[in-house]
Amino acid sequence: MRAWFQRVVLARLWLTYIVLGLAFFAFGAGSLNIVYMFQANLRLLLDYGWRGVMEGGALQLLELLATGYASLAAYVVFKACEHRLSHWLSEPNH
């Protein structure tokens, strides 16, 4: 995966810039309000116990965890693209 990403995305500056923007928006959309959603989900599970689990609280918690990790992956892609572009801009011979 790493070699493919370097060969396909990071080797083309225009594609690196596009992927940087997409990763930025994916990270922002995935992380927006996630803290509040976690708090609300945990409050549901604590207040209603097993009934909250049966009403979908446990599934929602898993979905929130998956969203968090997807946002983290988008952030890592964003940082890799940012690193590539900033190094390209700062090189004296580009």
Protein backbone atom coordinates (compact mmCIF):
# COMPACT_ATOMS: atom_id res chain seq x y z
CA MET A 1 0.00 0.00 0.00
CA ARG A 2 2.81 2.38 0.92
CA ALA A 3 4.74 1.75 -2.30
CA TRP A 4 1.57 2.17 -4.37
CA PHE A 5 0.70 5.45 -2.63
CA GLN A 6 4.21 6.80 -3.19
CA ARG A 7 4.32 5.63 -6.81
CA VAL A 8 0.84 6.77 -7.83
CA VAL A 9 -0.05 9.73 -5.62
CA LEU A 10 3.12 11.29 -4.20
CA ALA A 11 4.99 11.08 -7.51
CA ARG A 12 2.47 13.45 -9.13
CA LEU A 13 2.26 16.84 -7.45
CA TRP A 14 -1.14 17.69 -8.92
CA LEU A 15 -2.60 14.40 -7.64
CA THR A 16 -0.93 14.91 -4.27
CA TYR A 17 -2.68 18.27 -4.00
CA ILE A 18 -6.07 16.79 -4.91
CA VAL A 19 -5.68 13.89 -2.46
CA LEU A 20 -4.57 16.38 0.22
CA GLY A 21 -7.83 18.30 -0.23
CA LEU A 22 -9.97 15.17 -0.22
CA ALA A 23 -8.24 13.87 2.91
CA PHE A 24 -8.72 17.25 4.59
CA PHE A 25 -12.45 17.22 3.94
CA ALA A 26 -12.80 13.55 4.93
CA PHE A 27 -11.00 14.22 8.21
CA GLY A 28 -13.13 17.27 8.91
CA ALA A 29 -16.41 15.52 8.12
CA GLY A 30 -15.49 12.45 10.12
CA SER A 31 -14.29 14.29 13.19
CA LEU A 32 -16.97 16.99 13.32
CA ASN A 33 -19.11 16.45 16.41
CA ILE A 34 -17.63 12.99 17.08
CA VAL A 35 -16.87 13.95 20.68
CA TYR A 36 -20.47 15.02 21.26
CA MET A 37 -21.77 11.85 19.62
CA PHE A 38 -19.52 9.72 21.85
CA GLN A 39 -20.78 11.56 24.93
CA ALA A 40 -24.41 11.12 23.92
CA ASN A 41 -23.89 7.43 23.14
CA LEU A 42 -22.15 6.75 26.45
CA ARG A 43 -24.86 8.65 28.30
CA LEU A 44 -27.48 6.47 26.59
CA LEU A 45 -25.65 3.29 27.56
CA LEU A 46 -25.07 4.41 31.14
CA ASP A 47 -28.60 5.70 31.67
CA TYR A 48 -30.49 2.81 30.07
CA GLY A 49 -28.05 -0.07 30.46
CA TRP A 50 -29.02 -3.25 28.63
CA ARG A 51 -32.07 -1.61 27.06
CA GLY A 52 -29.78 1.03 25.54
CA VAL A 53 -27.57 -1.74 24.14
CA MET A 54 -30.60 -3.51 22.65
CA GLU A 55 -31.89 -0.26 21.13
CA GLY A 56 -28.70 0.07 19.08
CA GLY A 57 -26.35 1.84 21.47
CA ALA A 58 -23.60 -0.78 21.11
CA LEU A 59 -23.83 -0.76 17.30
CA GLN A 60 -23.71 3.03 17.28
CA LEU A 61 -20.63 2.94 19.52
CA LEU A 62 -18.90 0.60 17.04
CA GLU A 63 -19.87 2.88 14.18
CA LEU A 64 -18.43 5.86 16.03
CA LEU A 65 -15.18 3.99 16.61
CA ALA A 66 -14.99 3.08 12.91
CA THR A 67 -15.63 6.71 11.98
CA GLY A 68 -12.88 7.80 14.34
CA TYR A 69 -10.36 5.43 12.80
CA ALA A 70 -11.40 6.42 9.27
CA SER A 71 -10.87 10.06 10.24
CA LEU A 72 -7.46 9.17 11.64
CA ALA A 73 -6.53 7.45 8.37
CA ALA A 74 -7.63 10.54 6.42
CA TYR A 75 -5.46 12.69 8.70
CA VAL A 76 -2.42 10.48 8.07
CA VAL A 77 -2.96 10.73 4.29
CA PHE A 78 -3.34 14.51 4.65
CA LYS A 79 -0.06 14.77 6.58
CA ALA A 80 1.80 12.61 4.04
CA CYS A 81 0.60 14.80 1.18
CA GLU A 82 1.40 17.96 3.14
CA HIS A 83 4.91 16.64 3.83
CA ARG A 84 5.49 15.89 0.14
CA LEU A 85 4.27 19.28 -1.03
CA SER A 86 6.12 21.27 1.62
CA HIS A 87 9.38 19.48 0.78
CA TRP A 88 8.82 20.14 -2.92
CA LEU A 89 8.26 23.85 -2.22
CA SER A 90 11.33 24.15 -0.02
CA GLU A 91 13.76 22.31 -2.33
CA PRO A 92 16.14 24.68 -4.10
CA ASN A 93 16.14 22.62 -7.35
CA HIS A 94 12.57 21.85 -8.29
